[in-house]
Amino acid sequence: QVQFVESGGGLVQSGGSLRLSCVASGVTLQFTMTAWYRQVSGQSRELVAAIHPSGRTSFGDSAKGRFSIFRDNDKNMLFLQMNSLKPEDTAVYSCHAANTWGNGTLVTVSS
């Protein structure tokens, strides 16, 4: 059974940084496309960043230049480093891979 547990969310001021973590079980992240999505209540999920097994990364427009995505293959973990945060980044951030979603971690950016 594939499961993800996200952590690292919280309250941060505009311009600040956060690093989100996702621990995976039941799937080996380095062998599958893995991504971070975010969702604001009442809105559809938005792709934030993705990482291919090759290590190639891609980003949603809102994340380009500010966020980075990377893996720790030894620990089977996925990370999202978020810098220069803005109030509009406020959302629940979730891992996604192998047709499975994590429960997410809430990020709140105050102005």
Foldseek 3Di string as FASTA:
>chain_A
DKAKDKDFADEEEQQAKIKMKIQIPPDQPLAWKKFKWWDDPPDDIGTAKIAGSVRDIDGDPVNPPFKDWDADRVRSMIMIIGGRDDQVVFTFMWMDIPNDIYPGDTHGYHD
